[in-house]
Amino acid sequence: MKQDVITAQQFEERANVVKAMAHPSRLMMIEELSRGERCVCDLRDLVGADISTVSKHLTVLKKVGIVEDEKRGKNVYYRLKVPCVHNFFHCIESVLAAGR
């Protein structure tokens, strides 16, 4: 039986995805985007930060492939590129519950 070998590069890539999510504002945005597409202005209001800060957070998420965007007129809309990332939150909640 052949077992898949995970390379150091793959572990590095996994770590980059986890690092990208490792900020409360980004977690809030991912949670909100799990409900559907949102304009940057909606995410700004949710997080309570200025547009440039929200855009920087979204760039981090986009760089690792968590979100994608689409410009429409003057607004940019974001959505989860891989909605299964939201399942990771359920796993985190199970870990937190087990630690209590």
Protein backbone atom coordinates (compact mmCIF):
# COMPACT_ATOMS: atom_id res chain seq x y z
CA MET A 1 0.00 0.00 0.00
CA LYS A 2 1.54 3.29 -1.15
CA GLN A 3 1.26 6.18 1.26
CA ASP A 4 1.30 9.74 -0.03
CA VAL A 5 4.31 11.67 1.14
CA ILE A 6 3.76 15.31 1.99
CA THR A 7 6.69 17.48 1.08
CA ALA A 8 8.20 20.26 3.14
CA GLN A 9 6.91 22.67 0.48
CA GLN A 10 3.34 21.43 1.00
CA PHE A 11 3.64 21.92 4.75
CA GLU A 12 4.92 25.44 4.10
CA GLU A 13 1.95 26.15 1.83
CA ARG A 14 -0.46 24.84 4.48
CA ALA A 15 1.19 27.04 7.09
CA ASN A 16 0.79 30.08 4.83
CA VAL A 17 -2.96 29.48 4.57
CA VAL A 18 -3.30 29.12 8.35
CA LYS A 19 -1.16 32.24 8.90
CA ALA A 20 -3.38 34.21 6.50
CA MET A 21 -6.42 33.37 8.61
CA ALA A 22 -4.65 34.11 11.90
CA HIS A 23 -6.17 37.53 12.56
CA PRO A 24 -9.54 38.29 14.19
CA SER A 25 -10.56 40.72 11.43
CA ARG A 26 -9.77 38.19 8.72
CA LEU A 27 -11.70 35.50 10.58
CA MET A 28 -14.69 37.86 10.80
CA MET A 29 -14.49 38.56 7.08
CA ILE A 30 -14.27 34.85 6.20
CA GLU A 31 -17.27 34.15 8.41
CA GLU A 32 -19.25 36.94 6.73
CA LEU A 33 -18.21 35.81 3.24
CA SER A 34 -19.40 32.30 4.04
CA ARG A 35 -22.89 33.84 3.89
CA GLY A 36 -22.28 35.23 0.40
CA GLU A 37 -20.51 37.86 -1.62
CA ARG A 38 -19.83 41.22 0.05
CA CYS A 39 -18.62 44.64 -1.03
CA VAL A 40 -15.47 45.97 0.61
CA CYS A 41 -17.62 48.70 2.17
CA ASP A 42 -19.75 46.03 3.91
CA LEU A 43 -16.62 44.35 5.27
CA ARG A 44 -15.27 47.72 6.39
CA ASP A 45 -18.42 48.30 8.44
CA LEU A 46 -18.25 44.78 9.87
CA VAL A 47 -14.63 45.04 10.96
CA GLY A 48 -14.77 48.71 11.96
CA ALA A 49 -11.55 49.62 10.17
CA ASP A 50 -10.75 51.95 7.30
CA ILE A 51 -10.92 50.76 3.69
CA SER A 52 -7.15 50.55 3.27
CA THR A 53 -6.79 48.26 6.32
CA VAL A 54 -9.65 46.03 5.16
CA SER A 55 -8.15 45.92 1.66
CA LYS A 56 -4.78 44.83 3.09
CA HIS A 57 -6.47 42.02 5.02
CA LEU A 58 -8.34 40.94 1.89
CA THR A 59 -5.11 40.98 -0.12
CA VAL A 60 -3.57 38.55 2.38
CA LEU A 61 -6.58 36.24 2.02
CA LYS A 62 -6.55 36.55 -1.76
CA LYS A 63 -2.83 35.82 -2.03
CA VAL A 64 -3.27 32.36 -0.46
CA GLY A 65 -6.43 31.59 -2.46
CA ILE A 66 -9.10 31.95 0.23
CA VAL A 67 -11.02 34.76 -1.46
CA GLU A 68 -11.46 36.16 -4.94
CA ASP A 69 -12.70 39.55 -6.04
CA GLU A 70 -14.58 41.23 -8.83
CA LYS A 71 -14.66 44.95 -9.57
CA ARG A 72 -18.05 46.34 -10.54
CA GLY A 73 -18.06 50.03 -11.23
CA LYS A 74 -16.43 51.75 -8.29
CA ASN A 75 -16.96 48.84 -5.90
CA VAL A 76 -14.99 45.64 -5.36
CA TYR A 77 -16.89 42.55 -4.27
CA TYR A 78 -15.32 39.58 -2.51
CA ARG A 79 -16.43 35.99 -2.13
CA LEU A 80 -14.87 32.82 -0.78
CA LYS A 81 -12.94 31.09 -3.52
CA VAL A 82 -13.10 27.81 -1.58
CA PRO A 83 -16.18 27.81 0.67
CA CYS A 84 -14.92 24.67 2.46
CA VAL A 85 -12.55 26.94 4.42
CA HIS A 86 -15.58 27.68 6.59
CA ASN A 87 -15.56 24.00 7.67
CA PHE A 88 -12.23 24.73 9.32
CA PHE A 89 -14.10 26.98 11.77
CA HIS A 90 -16.20 24.02 12.90
CA CYS A 91 -13.01 22.10 13.58
CA ILE A 92 -11.58 25.03 15.57
CA GLU A 93 -14.75 25.18 17.66
CA SER A 94 -14.40 21.45 18.41
CA VAL A 95 -10.81 21.97 19.54
CA LEU A 96 -11.89 24.88 21.76
CA ALA A 97 -14.72 22.83 23.26
CA ALA A 98 -12.40 19.90 23.94
CA GLY A 99 -10.00 22.22 25.77
CA ARG A 100 -12.65 23.59 28.10
